[in-house]
Amino acid sequence: MSMDDLEHMGPIDYVLIEWPGRQPNGEIAPIVVDLVESGIIRVLDLAFIAKAEDGSIAGLEISDLGDEGEQLRVFEGASSGLVSDEDIAEAAEALDAGTAAALLVYENRWAAPFAAAVRRSGGQLVANGRIPVQAILAALDAADEAETATAKS
């Protein structure tokens, strides 16, 4: 990848998604493919991990994933070199025994023009984060309960 390519890249994120048992059900692959085809993200790395009941860790191939794997074949061999064996081992530590997981590293292509403009202007990212939907739902429930309690008093 050239320096010019790097200058125009969007932010890079990763997600580690865990499923009980050995594999997902096939719902996610078409959405990831659509995100790539729409130019919203670019898959840089995709690794699958299984953690046995005894805690041992094994890599999974796309062909091991059944229906989900068939749809993900387009990403077979996707590896930028950003994810090391140590990264996969660290990710596996976060998994429960008896689960399978996908580690996806992707570029947010939708944000590339903004990120490039920030870099050209001399700006730099100082902090970022995500608010899980569950946290938003809990906060809304708490606010609703407080409003209800206030209305009753």
Protein backbone atom coordinates (compact mmCIF):
# COMPACT_ATOMS: atom_id res chain seq x y z
CA MET A 1 0.00 0.00 0.00
CA SER A 2 1.44 3.35 -0.99
CA MET A 3 1.64 6.45 1.21
CA ASP A 4 -0.97 8.09 -1.06
CA ASP A 5 -3.33 5.16 -0.42
CA LEU A 6 -2.75 5.53 3.32
CA GLU A 7 -3.44 9.27 3.15
CA HIS A 8 -6.90 8.55 1.75
CA MET A 9 -7.88 5.70 4.07
CA GLY A 10 -10.80 5.87 6.41
CA PRO A 11 -10.65 4.85 10.05
CA ILE A 12 -9.91 1.18 10.75
CA ASP A 13 -12.11 -0.73 13.21
CA TYR A 14 -12.37 -4.29 14.38
CA VAL A 15 -15.16 -6.37 15.83
CA LEU A 16 -15.01 -9.72 17.57
CA ILE A 17 -18.34 -11.49 17.33
CA GLU A 18 -19.02 -14.66 19.32
CA TRP A 19 -21.62 -17.37 18.72
CA PRO A 20 -22.51 -20.28 20.96
CA GLY A 21 -21.55 -23.54 19.29
CA ARG A 22 -19.50 -23.71 16.14
CA GLN A 23 -20.99 -21.26 13.68
CA PRO A 24 -23.32 -18.37 12.85
CA ASN A 25 -26.65 -18.96 11.09
CA GLY A 26 -26.06 -17.29 7.72
CA GLU A 27 -27.67 -13.88 8.36
CA ILE A 28 -24.50 -11.82 8.63
CA ALA A 29 -22.60 -12.71 5.45
CA PRO A 30 -24.99 -11.05 2.96
CA ILE A 31 -24.92 -7.84 4.99
CA VAL A 32 -21.11 -7.74 5.09
CA VAL A 33 -20.99 -8.43 1.33
CA ASP A 34 -23.50 -5.62 0.74
CA LEU A 35 -21.48 -3.19 2.89
CA VAL A 36 -18.38 -3.98 0.82
CA GLU A 37 -20.17 -3.80 -2.53
CA SER A 38 -21.74 -0.47 -1.52
CA GLY A 39 -18.31 0.97 -0.71
CA ILE A 40 -19.18 1.56 2.94
CA ILE A 41 -16.45 -0.71 4.31
CA ARG A 42 -13.43 -2.59 3.01
CA VAL A 43 -12.57 -5.88 4.68
CA LEU A 44 -8.90 -5.92 5.60
CA ASP A 45 -8.76 -9.08 7.70
CA LEU A 46 -11.23 -11.80 8.53
CA ALA A 47 -10.37 -14.66 10.87
CA PHE A 48 -12.56 -17.34 12.42
CA ILE A 49 -11.80 -18.88 15.78
CA ALA A 50 -13.27 -21.78 17.76
CA LYS A 51 -12.78 -22.19 21.49
CA ALA A 52 -13.47 -25.69 22.73
CA GLU A 53 -15.04 -26.55 26.08
CA ASP A 54 -11.55 -27.34 27.41
CA GLY A 55 -10.36 -23.84 26.42
CA SER A 56 -8.22 -24.95 23.47
CA ILE A 57 -8.28 -22.63 20.48
CA ALA A 58 -8.38 -23.48 16.79
CA GLY A 59 -8.64 -21.44 13.65
CA LEU A 60 -11.58 -22.14 11.37
CA GLU A 61 -11.59 -21.99 7.61
CA ILE A 62 -14.44 -20.38 5.71
CA SER A 63 -15.34 -23.84 4.40
CA ASP A 64 -15.95 -24.93 8.04
CA LEU A 65 -18.79 -22.42 8.41
CA GLY A 66 -21.61 -24.05 6.46
CA ASP A 67 -24.11 -21.64 4.86
CA GLU A 68 -22.41 -18.56 6.28
CA GLY A 69 -19.11 -19.73 4.83
CA GLU A 70 -20.51 -20.13 1.33
CA GLN A 71 -21.51 -16.47 1.29
CA LEU A 72 -18.19 -15.36 2.78
CA ARG A 73 -16.02 -17.14 0.18
CA VAL A 74 -15.58 -13.78 -1.52
CA PHE A 75 -13.40 -12.82 1.48
CA GLU A 76 -11.36 -16.03 1.49
CA GLY A 77 -7.73 -15.08 1.97
CA ALA A 78 -8.58 -11.54 3.10
CA SER A 79 -5.49 -10.64 5.06
CA SER A 80 -3.75 -7.30 5.22
CA GLY A 81 -1.23 -8.57 7.74
CA LEU A 82 -2.63 -6.32 10.47
CA VAL A 83 -3.86 -9.29 12.52
CA SER A 84 -1.13 -11.45 13.98
CA ASP A 85 -1.31 -14.87 15.63
CA GLU A 86 -0.88 -13.03 18.94
CA ASP A 87 -3.93 -10.86 18.14
CA ILE A 88 -5.99 -13.96 17.42
CA ALA A 89 -4.83 -15.59 20.67
CA GLU A 90 -5.73 -12.42 22.58
CA ALA A 91 -9.14 -12.30 20.91
CA ALA A 92 -9.70 -15.96 21.79
CA GLU A 93 -9.07 -15.17 25.47
CA ALA A 94 -12.19 -12.98 25.41
CA LEU A 95 -14.33 -15.88 24.18
CA ASP A 96 -16.38 -18.24 26.30
CA ALA A 97 -15.59 -21.94 26.06
CA GLY A 98 -17.69 -23.78 23.48
CA THR A 99 -18.05 -20.83 21.13
CA ALA A 100 -16.98 -19.76 17.67
CA ALA A 101 -16.09 -16.23 16.66
CA ALA A 102 -15.27 -13.97 13.76
CA LEU A 103 -12.59 -11.31 14.03
CA LEU A 104 -13.23 -8.70 11.35
CA VAL A 105 -10.89 -5.77 10.68
CA TYR A 106 -12.33 -3.24 8.27
CA GLU A 107 -11.80 0.23 6.87
CA ASN A 108 -14.69 2.66 7.19
CA ARG A 109 -14.57 3.83 3.58
CA TRP A 110 -17.58 6.10 4.10
CA ALA A 111 -15.44 8.18 6.48
CA ALA A 112 -12.31 8.29 4.29
CA PRO A 113 -12.92 11.80 2.85
CA PHE A 114 -13.49 13.21 6.34
CA ALA A 115 -10.45 11.41 7.79
CA ALA A 116 -8.23 12.58 4.92
CA ALA A 117 -9.42 16.19 5.38
CA VAL A 118 -8.67 15.99 9.11
CA ARG A 119 -5.14 14.72 8.39
CA ARG A 120 -4.53 17.37 5.71
CA SER A 121 -5.65 20.10 8.11
CA GLY A 122 -3.15 18.90 10.71
CA GLY A 123 -5.82 17.43 12.95
CA GLN A 124 -5.55 14.12 14.70
CA LEU A 125 -7.94 11.77 16.44
CA VAL A 126 -7.72 12.24 20.19
CA ALA A 127 -10.45 9.84 21.32
CA ASN A 128 -13.25 7.74 19.93
CA GLY A 129 -15.63 5.13 21.20
CA ARG A 130 -18.86 3.30 20.69
CA ILE A 131 -22.02 3.20 22.74
CA PRO A 132 -23.53 -0.30 22.63
CA VAL A 133 -27.22 -0.42 21.76
CA GLN A 134 -27.85 -2.27 25.03
CA ALA A 135 -26.46 0.72 26.96
CA ILE A 136 -28.72 3.12 25.05
CA LEU A 137 -31.76 0.93 25.72
CA ALA A 138 -30.88 0.70 29.42
CA ALA A 139 -30.45 4.49 29.63
CA LEU A 140 -33.79 5.08 27.89
CA ASP A 141 -35.50 2.57 30.21
CA ALA A 142 -33.98 4.29 33.26
CA ALA A 143 -35.08 7.71 32.00
CA ASP A 144 -38.59 6.38 31.35
CA GLU A 145 -38.76 4.84 34.84
CA ALA A 146 -37.57 8.11 36.41
CA GLU A 147 -40.16 10.08 34.43
CA THR A 148 -42.89 7.64 35.47
CA ALA A 149 -41.83 7.84 39.13
CA THR A 150 -41.80 11.65 38.97
CA ALA A 151 -45.25 11.73 37.36
CA LYS A 152 -46.68 9.48 40.10
CA SER A 153 -45.35 11.65 42.93
